[in-house]
C-alpha atoms as a PDB file:
ATOM      1  CA  MET A   1     -14.447  -9.409 -10.534  1.00  0.00           C
ATOM      2  CA  PRO A   2     -11.573  -8.813 -13.204  1.00  0.00           C
ATOM      3  CA  SER A   3     -11.394 -11.119 -16.008  1.00  0.00           C
ATOM      4  CA  ILE A   4      -8.806 -13.267 -17.262  1.00  0.00           C
ATOM      5  CA  LEU A   5      -7.910 -13.887 -20.987  1.00  0.00           C
ATOM      6  CA  SER A   6      -4.849 -15.795 -22.027  1.00  0.00           C
ATOM      7  CA  ASN A   7      -4.034 -15.929 -25.425  1.00  0.00           C
ATOM      8  CA  ALA A   8      -3.218 -19.009 -27.770  1.00  0.00           C
ATOM      9  CA  ALA A   9       0.731 -20.307 -27.291  1.00  0.00           C
ATOM     10  CA  ASN A  10       1.302 -18.350 -29.945  1.00  0.00           C
ATOM     11  CA  ASP A  11       0.789 -14.525 -27.704  1.00  0.00           C
ATOM     12  CA  PRO A  12       2.824 -14.910 -24.256  1.00  0.00           C
ATOM     13  CA  THR A  13       0.435 -12.015 -22.712  1.00  0.00           C
ATOM     14  CA  VAL A  14      -2.279 -12.354 -20.192  1.00  0.00           C
ATOM     15  CA  ARG A  15      -4.921  -9.595 -20.860  1.00  0.00           C
ATOM     16  CA  ILE A  16      -7.111  -8.277 -17.337  1.00  0.00           C
ATOM     17  CA  PHE A  17      -9.705  -6.332 -17.664  1.00  0.00           C
ATOM     18  CA  ASP A  18     -12.935  -5.047 -15.835  1.00  0.00           C
ATOM     19  CA  SER A  19     -15.498  -3.136 -17.228  1.00  0.00           C
ATOM     20  CA  PHE A  20     -16.614  -1.834 -13.557  1.00  0.00           C
ATOM     21  CA  TYR A  21     -13.266  -0.151 -12.624  1.00  0.00           C
ATOM     22  CA  ASN A  22     -12.638   0.580 -16.446  1.00  0.00           C
ATOM     23  CA  ILE A  23      -9.239  -1.615 -16.742  1.00  0.00           C
ATOM     24  CA  ASP A  24      -7.617  -2.996 -19.638  1.00  0.00           C
ATOM     25  CA  VAL A  25      -4.370  -4.430 -19.045  1.00  0.00           C
ATOM     26  CA  THR A  26      -1.343  -6.429 -20.715  1.00  0.00           C
ATOM     27  CA  VAL A  27       0.939  -8.418 -18.972  1.00  0.00           C
ATOM     28  CA  ASN A  28       3.658 -11.463 -20.080  1.00  0.00           C
ATOM     29  CA  ALA A  29       2.188 -14.243 -19.007  1.00  0.00           C
ATOM     30  CA  SER A  30       5.027 -16.068 -17.274  1.00  0.00           C
ATOM     31  CA  GLU A  31       5.357 -13.040 -14.992  1.00  0.00           C
ATOM     32  CA  TYR A  32       1.274 -13.341 -14.402  1.00  0.00           C
ATOM     33  CA  GLU A  33       1.903 -16.672 -13.269  1.00  0.00           C
ATOM     34  CA  LEU A  34       4.452 -15.896 -10.997  1.00  0.00           C
ATOM     35  CA  VAL A  35       2.179 -13.370  -9.057  1.00  0.00           C
ATOM     36  CA  GLN A  36      -0.308 -16.015  -9.610  1.00  0.00           C
ATOM     37  CA  ALA A  37       1.355 -18.357  -8.218  1.00  0.00           C
ATOM     38  CA  PHE A  38       2.275 -16.428  -5.088  1.00  0.00           C
ATOM     39  CA  PHE A  39      -1.171 -15.742  -4.341  1.00  0.00           C
ATOM     40  CA  ASN A  40      -2.609 -19.336  -4.272  1.00  0.00           C
ATOM     41  CA  GLY A  41      -0.081 -20.028  -1.721  1.00  0.00           C
ATOM     42  CA  VAL A  42      -1.250 -17.066   0.641  1.00  0.00           C
ATOM     43  CA  CYS A  43      -5.179 -16.548  -0.227  1.00  0.00           C
ATOM     44  CA  GLU A  44      -8.131 -19.110   0.884  1.00  0.00           C
ATOM     45  CA  THR A  45      -9.801 -19.636  -2.211  1.00  0.00           C
ATOM     46  CA  GLN A  46      -8.708 -19.372  -6.010  1.00  0.00           C
ATOM     47  CA  ASN A  47     -10.640 -16.680  -6.762  1.00  0.00           C
ATOM     48  CA  GLN A  48      -9.389 -14.612  -4.041  1.00  0.00           C
ATOM     49  CA  ALA A  49      -5.765 -14.944  -5.606  1.00  0.00           C
ATOM     50  CA  LYS A  50      -7.083 -13.901  -9.219  1.00  0.00           C
ATOM     51  CA  GLN A  51      -8.368 -10.954  -7.700  1.00  0.00           C
ATOM     52  CA  PHE A  52      -5.419  -9.956  -5.748  1.00  0.00           C
ATOM     53  CA  THR A  53      -3.203 -10.716  -8.978  1.00  0.00           C
ATOM     54  CA  ALA A  54      -5.643  -8.179 -10.517  1.00  0.00           C
ATOM     55  CA  PHE A  55      -5.206  -5.672  -7.837  1.00  0.00           C
ATOM     56  CA  LEU A  56      -1.257  -6.416  -8.198  1.00  0.00           C
ATOM     57  CA  PHE A  57      -1.182  -5.543 -11.397  1.00  0.00           C
ATOM     58  CA  ARG A  58      -3.489  -2.763 -11.298  1.00  0.00           C
ATOM     59  CA  VAL A  59      -1.371  -0.792  -8.695  1.00  0.00           C
ATOM     60  CA  ALA A  60       1.653  -1.791 -10.916  1.00  0.00           C
ATOM     61  CA  THR A  61       0.156  -0.030 -13.948  1.00  0.00           C
ATOM     62  CA  GLU A  62      -1.113   2.805 -12.134  1.00  0.00           C
ATOM     63  CA  SER A  63       2.466   3.456 -10.195  1.00  0.00           C
ATOM     64  CA  GLY A  64       4.506   2.861 -12.920  1.00  0.00           C
ATOM     65  CA  ILE A  65       6.822  -0.188 -10.379  1.00  0.00           C
ATOM     66  CA  PRO A  66       7.163  -2.739 -11.843  1.00  0.00           C
ATOM     67  CA  ALA A  67       5.003  -5.581 -10.754  1.00  0.00           C
ATOM     68  CA  GLN A  68       7.631  -8.091  -9.570  1.00  0.00           C
ATOM     69  CA  GLU A  69       9.371  -5.028  -7.455  1.00  0.00           C
ATOM     70  CA  LEU A  70       5.793  -4.726  -5.692  1.00  0.00           C
ATOM     71  CA  LEU A  71       5.762  -8.878  -5.475  1.00  0.00           C
ATOM     72  CA  ALA A  72       9.322  -8.978  -4.178  1.00  0.00           C
ATOM     73  CA  GLU A  73       8.282  -6.348  -1.434  1.00  0.00           C
ATOM     74  CA  MET A  74       5.445  -8.431  -0.438  1.00  0.00           C
ATOM     75  CA  GLN A  75       7.498 -11.164  -0.170  1.00  0.00           C
ATOM     76  CA  SER A  76       9.492  -9.857   2.400  1.00  0.00           C
ATOM     77  CA  MET A  77       6.714  -8.685   4.617  1.00  0.00           C
ATOM     78  CA  LYS A  78       4.516 -10.952   6.743  1.00  0.00           C
ATOM     79  CA  THR A  79       2.409 -12.868   3.922  1.00  0.00           C
ATOM     80  CA  ASP A  80      -0.820 -12.859   6.103  1.00  0.00           C
ATOM     81  CA  ASN A  81      -4.538 -11.986   4.231  1.00  0.00           C
ATOM     82  CA  ILE A  82      -4.181  -8.600   6.399  1.00  0.00           C
ATOM     83  CA  THR A  83      -0.886  -7.281   5.179  1.00  0.00           C
ATOM     84  CA  ILE A  84      -1.879  -8.329   2.030  1.00  0.00           C
ATOM     85  CA  ASN A  85      -4.846  -5.878   1.901  1.00  0.00           C
ATOM     86  CA  GLN A  86      -3.331  -3.024   4.184  1.00  0.00           C
ATOM     87  CA  PHE A  87      -0.463  -3.332   1.161  1.00  0.00           C
ATOM     88  CA  LEU A  88      -2.535  -3.069  -1.730  1.00  0.00           C
ATOM     89  CA  ILE A  89      -5.173  -0.840  -0.145  1.00  0.00           C
ATOM     90  CA  PHE A  90      -1.876   1.693   0.155  1.00  0.00           C
ATOM     91  CA  TYR A  91      -1.160   1.516  -3.098  1.00  0.00           C
ATOM     92  CA  LEU A  92      -4.851   1.723  -4.351  1.00  0.00           C
ATOM     93  CA  ASN A  93      -5.953   4.588  -1.983  1.00  0.00           C
ATOM     94  CA  SER A  94      -3.075   6.276  -3.839  1.00  0.00           C
ATOM     95  CA  PHE A  95      -4.358   6.935  -6.926  1.00  0.00           C
ATOM     96  CA  ARG A  96      -7.931   7.025  -5.694  1.00  0.00           C
ATOM     97  CA  PRO A  97     -10.369  10.026  -5.053  1.00  0.00           C
ATOM     98  CA  LYS A  98      -9.797  11.248  -1.439  1.00  0.00           C
ATOM     99  CA  THR A  99     -13.727  10.830  -0.831  1.00  0.00           C
ATOM    100  CA  GLY A 100     -13.521   7.294  -1.042  1.00  0.00           C
ATOM    101  CA  LEU A 101     -11.034   5.706   0.005  1.00  0.00           C
ATOM    102  CA  TYR A 102     -10.332   1.704   0.472  1.00  0.00           C
ATOM    103  CA  GLY A 103     -10.478   0.216   3.947  1.00  0.00           C
ATOM    104  CA  ILE A 104     -11.925   3.001   5.452  1.00  0.00           C
ATOM    105  CA  SER A 105     -14.584   1.778   8.113  1.00  0.00           C
ATOM    106  CA  THR A 106     -15.163   4.775   9.902  1.00  0.00           C
ATOM    107  CA  GLU A 107     -16.102   8.444   8.016  1.00  0.00           C
ATOM    108  CA  PRO A 108     -13.327  11.135   9.505  1.00  0.00           C
ATOM    109  CA  THR A 109     -14.603  14.097  10.554  1.00  0.00           C
ATOM    110  CA  PRO A 110     -13.263  17.056   8.317  1.00  0.00           C
ATOM    111  CA  VAL A 111     -12.392  20.646   8.934  1.00  0.00           C
ATOM    112  CA  TYR A 112     -15.681  22.475   8.324  1.00  0.00           C
ATOM    113  CA  PRO A 113     -14.339  25.475   5.960  1.00  0.00           C
ATOM    114  CA  VAL A 114     -13.397  21.597   3.629  1.00  0.00           C
ATOM    115  CA  ALA A 115     -16.247  19.746   4.224  1.00  0.00           C
ATOM    116  CA  ARG A 116     -19.084  22.271   3.040  1.00  0.00           C
ATOM    117  CA  ASN A 117     -17.220  22.251  -0.107  1.00  0.00           C
ATOM    118  CA  VAL A 118     -17.248  18.502  -0.447  1.00  0.00           C
ATOM    119  CA  VAL A 119     -20.793  17.545  -2.645  1.00  0.00           C
ATOM    120  CA  ARG A 120     -21.206  13.855  -1.513  1.00  0.00           C
END
């Protein structure tokens, strides 16, 4: 689970880091609160909302798309957990290796000449 550090009132930033995924992102505190408020309204638990918030900022950092733009796109869609999962999975899979994608429940059958070159 990503860890969230909020500095004292002197520093208006929030630091999101996760040692497992090697993520370290520093974001504006007001922007973080805006995204967090959206996910608090949509998600069932506070923990789930924190994870979705961290993933949105990771997607924003990796893709170069501003977090507010991603949030506006999400707000224009149907806001249920399945739609939010699909949205984030789409962006997270865009910078993951193609051998380990999020949200794939069945193993795709590759072309044999290509499959023999992939080490599992």
